[in-house]
Amino acid sequence: MASALITSVDHQNFDAEVVQSDLPVLIDFWAPWCGPCIALNPTIDAVAALYEGRVKVVKANLDESKELADRFGVRGIPALFLLKQGEVLQGIHAQTKTRICVELDKHLA
């Protein structure tokens, strides 16, 4: 499901891919049965390409990553969070590329 620029994460590789990342990480909680999640995929792909080398983009399948969803208090999907060294900088409630970019840029200046 993930593009070449997007890594899939779960509780097993979360530390290696997210906590130990030198870059801020945008994590997208999603599920294959979630229509809005599927609709957001092209936007997430575009953001990953636009911020390549500045922000790492990862996806966590809710069905396979319940531990992570609980850890972040995910109650609805899609759910986006920006993290630095595993700590949440911001939950991002935007659903458009422009709004997501505005939120990312606040932390990259």
C-alpha atoms as a PDB file:
ATOM      1  CA  MET A   1       0.000   0.000   0.000  1.00  0.00           C
ATOM      2  CA  ALA A   2       2.843   2.370   0.757  1.00  0.00           C
ATOM      3  CA  SER A   3       4.808   4.057  -2.007  1.00  0.00           C
ATOM      4  CA  ALA A   4       8.586   3.837  -2.322  1.00  0.00           C
ATOM      5  CA  LEU A   5       8.895   6.966  -0.162  1.00  0.00           C
ATOM      6  CA  ILE A   6       6.575   5.685   2.566  1.00  0.00           C
ATOM      7  CA  THR A   7       7.463   3.019   5.122  1.00  0.00           C
ATOM      8  CA  SER A   8       4.898   0.799   6.817  1.00  0.00           C
ATOM      9  CA  VAL A   9       5.319   0.639  10.592  1.00  0.00           C
ATOM     10  CA  ASP A  10       3.947  -1.477  13.406  1.00  0.00           C
ATOM     11  CA  HIS A  11       4.920  -1.998  17.044  1.00  0.00           C
ATOM     12  CA  GLN A  12       7.889  -4.156  16.003  1.00  0.00           C
ATOM     13  CA  ASN A  13       9.693  -1.633  13.802  1.00  0.00           C
ATOM     14  CA  PHE A  14       8.319   1.602  15.297  1.00  0.00           C
ATOM     15  CA  ASP A  15      11.423   2.438  17.330  1.00  0.00           C
ATOM     16  CA  ALA A  16      13.803   1.782  14.448  1.00  0.00           C
ATOM     17  CA  GLU A  17      11.739   3.676  11.866  1.00  0.00           C
ATOM     18  CA  VAL A  18      10.257   6.496  13.950  1.00  0.00           C
ATOM     19  CA  VAL A  19      11.946   7.027  17.321  1.00  0.00           C
ATOM     20  CA  GLN A  20      15.468   6.670  15.913  1.00  0.00           C
ATOM     21  CA  SER A  21      14.765   8.744  12.775  1.00  0.00           C
ATOM     22  CA  ASP A  22      16.930  11.824  12.352  1.00  0.00           C
ATOM     23  CA  LEU A  23      14.034  13.492  10.550  1.00  0.00           C
ATOM     24  CA  PRO A  24      10.629  14.509  11.887  1.00  0.00           C
ATOM     25  CA  VAL A  25       8.134  11.736  11.084  1.00  0.00           C
ATOM     26  CA  LEU A  26       4.592  12.093   9.773  1.00  0.00           C
ATOM     27  CA  ILE A  27       2.635   8.988  10.745  1.00  0.00           C
ATOM     28  CA  ASP A  28      -0.651   8.180   9.007  1.00  0.00           C
ATOM     29  CA  PHE A  29      -2.938   5.760  10.864  1.00  0.00           C
ATOM     30  CA  TRP A  30      -5.212   4.117   8.291  1.00  0.00           C
ATOM     31  CA  ALA A  31      -7.040   0.890   7.433  1.00  0.00           C
ATOM     32  CA  PRO A  32      -7.796  -0.793   4.103  1.00  0.00           C
ATOM     33  CA  TRP A  33     -11.551  -0.725   4.825  1.00  0.00           C
ATOM     34  CA  CYS A  34     -11.556   3.042   5.538  1.00  0.00           C
ATOM     35  CA  GLY A  35     -12.814   5.020   2.528  1.00  0.00           C
ATOM     36  CA  PRO A  36     -11.496   8.404   3.724  1.00  0.00           C
ATOM     37  CA  CYS A  37      -8.092   6.765   4.389  1.00  0.00           C
ATOM     38  CA  ILE A  38      -7.922   5.409   0.846  1.00  0.00           C
ATOM     39  CA  ALA A  39      -8.990   8.801  -0.510  1.00  0.00           C
ATOM     40  CA  LEU A  40      -6.162  10.457   1.461  1.00  0.00           C
ATOM     41  CA  ASN A  41      -3.466   8.132   0.044  1.00  0.00           C
ATOM     42  CA  PRO A  42      -2.622  10.278  -3.021  1.00  0.00           C
ATOM     43  CA  THR A  43      -2.289  13.310  -0.745  1.00  0.00           C
ATOM     44  CA  ILE A  44       0.054  11.439   1.611  1.00  0.00           C
ATOM     45  CA  ASP A  45       2.083  10.245  -1.387  1.00  0.00           C
ATOM     46  CA  ALA A  46       2.366  13.839  -2.646  1.00  0.00           C
ATOM     47  CA  VAL A  47       3.425  15.117   0.785  1.00  0.00           C
ATOM     48  CA  ALA A  48       6.049  12.356   1.033  1.00  0.00           C
ATOM     49  CA  ALA A  49       7.492  13.385  -2.342  1.00  0.00           C
ATOM     50  CA  LEU A  50       7.383  17.100  -1.548  1.00  0.00           C
ATOM     51  CA  TYR A  51       9.123  16.701   1.822  1.00  0.00           C
ATOM     52  CA  GLU A  52      11.566  13.950   0.824  1.00  0.00           C
ATOM     53  CA  GLY A  53      14.759  14.404   2.850  1.00  0.00           C
ATOM     54  CA  ARG A  54      13.036  16.744   5.331  1.00  0.00           C
ATOM     55  CA  VAL A  55      10.179  14.640   6.739  1.00  0.00           C
ATOM     56  CA  LYS A  56       9.911  10.861   6.867  1.00  0.00           C
ATOM     57  CA  VAL A  57       6.402   9.600   6.089  1.00  0.00           C
ATOM     58  CA  VAL A  58       5.181   6.316   7.561  1.00  0.00           C
ATOM     59  CA  LYS A  59       1.851   4.499   7.590  1.00  0.00           C
ATOM     60  CA  ALA A  60       0.445   2.357  10.380  1.00  0.00           C
ATOM     61  CA  ASN A  61      -2.371  -0.034   9.465  1.00  0.00           C
ATOM     62  CA  LEU A  62      -4.833   0.197  12.349  1.00  0.00           C
ATOM     63  CA  ASP A  63      -5.773  -3.476  12.026  1.00  0.00           C
ATOM     64  CA  GLU A  64      -2.129  -4.531  12.389  1.00  0.00           C
ATOM     65  CA  SER A  65      -0.994  -1.834  14.838  1.00  0.00           C
ATOM     66  CA  LYS A  66      -3.583  -1.654  17.595  1.00  0.00           C
ATOM     67  CA  GLU A  67      -0.811  -1.140  20.179  1.00  0.00           C
ATOM     68  CA  LEU A  68       0.415   1.957  18.341  1.00  0.00           C
ATOM     69  CA  ALA A  69      -3.095   3.305  17.875  1.00  0.00           C
ATOM     70  CA  ASP A  70      -3.707   2.936  21.612  1.00  0.00           C
ATOM     71  CA  ARG A  71      -0.353   4.564  22.391  1.00  0.00           C
ATOM     72  CA  PHE A  72      -1.328   7.637  20.369  1.00  0.00           C
ATOM     73  CA  GLY A  73      -4.954   7.694  21.465  1.00  0.00           C
ATOM     74  CA  VAL A  74      -6.283   7.185  17.945  1.00  0.00           C
ATOM     75  CA  ARG A  75     -10.081   7.155  18.073  1.00  0.00           C
ATOM     76  CA  GLY A  76     -10.839   7.727  14.404  1.00  0.00           C
ATOM     77  CA  ILE A  77      -9.029   7.359  11.117  1.00  0.00           C
ATOM     78  CA  PRO A  78      -7.389   8.685   9.107  1.00  0.00           C
ATOM     79  CA  ALA A  79      -5.266  10.157  11.893  1.00  0.00           C
ATOM     80  CA  LEU A  80      -2.033  12.039  11.245  1.00  0.00           C
ATOM     81  CA  PHE A  81       0.654  12.874  13.782  1.00  0.00           C
ATOM     82  CA  LEU A  82       3.966  14.678  13.411  1.00  0.00           C
ATOM     83  CA  LEU A  83       6.661  13.233  15.668  1.00  0.00           C
ATOM     84  CA  LYS A  84      10.267  14.024  16.496  1.00  0.00           C
ATOM     85  CA  GLN A  85      12.282  11.247  18.157  1.00  0.00           C
ATOM     86  CA  GLY A  86       9.037   9.440  18.943  1.00  0.00           C
ATOM     87  CA  GLU A  87       7.401  12.388  20.710  1.00  0.00           C
ATOM     88  CA  VAL A  88       4.248  13.930  19.263  1.00  0.00           C
ATOM     89  CA  LEU A  89       4.813  17.485  18.099  1.00  0.00           C
ATOM     90  CA  GLN A  90       1.296  17.833  16.737  1.00  0.00           C
ATOM     91  CA  GLY A  91      -1.786  15.950  15.691  1.00  0.00           C
ATOM     92  CA  ILE A  92      -2.691  17.078  12.174  1.00  0.00           C
ATOM     93  CA  HIS A  93      -6.392  17.201  11.442  1.00  0.00           C
ATOM     94  CA  ALA A  94      -6.032  18.580   7.920  1.00  0.00           C
ATOM     95  CA  GLN A  95      -7.080  16.454   4.952  1.00  0.00           C
ATOM     96  CA  THR A  96      -5.693  18.515   2.069  1.00  0.00           C
ATOM     97  CA  LYS A  97      -2.116  18.707   0.844  1.00  0.00           C
ATOM     98  CA  THR A  98      -2.020  22.472   1.354  1.00  0.00           C
ATOM     99  CA  ARG A  99      -3.215  22.298   4.965  1.00  0.00           C
ATOM    100  CA  ILE A 100      -0.923  19.372   5.820  1.00  0.00           C
ATOM    101  CA  CYS A 101       2.025  21.302   4.341  1.00  0.00           C
ATOM    102  CA  VAL A 102       1.131  24.416   6.368  1.00  0.00           C
ATOM    103  CA  GLU A 103       1.172  22.319   9.550  1.00  0.00           C
ATOM    104  CA  LEU A 104       4.466  20.601   8.637  1.00  0.00           C
ATOM    105  CA  ASP A 105       6.117  23.908   7.746  1.00  0.00           C
ATOM    106  CA  LYS A 106       5.394  25.268  11.249  1.00  0.00           C
ATOM    107  CA  HIS A 107       7.824  22.694  12.633  1.00  0.00           C
ATOM    108  CA  LEU A 108      10.452  22.845   9.897  1.00  0.00           C
ATOM    109  CA  ALA A 109      11.250  26.545   9.954  1.00  0.00           C
END
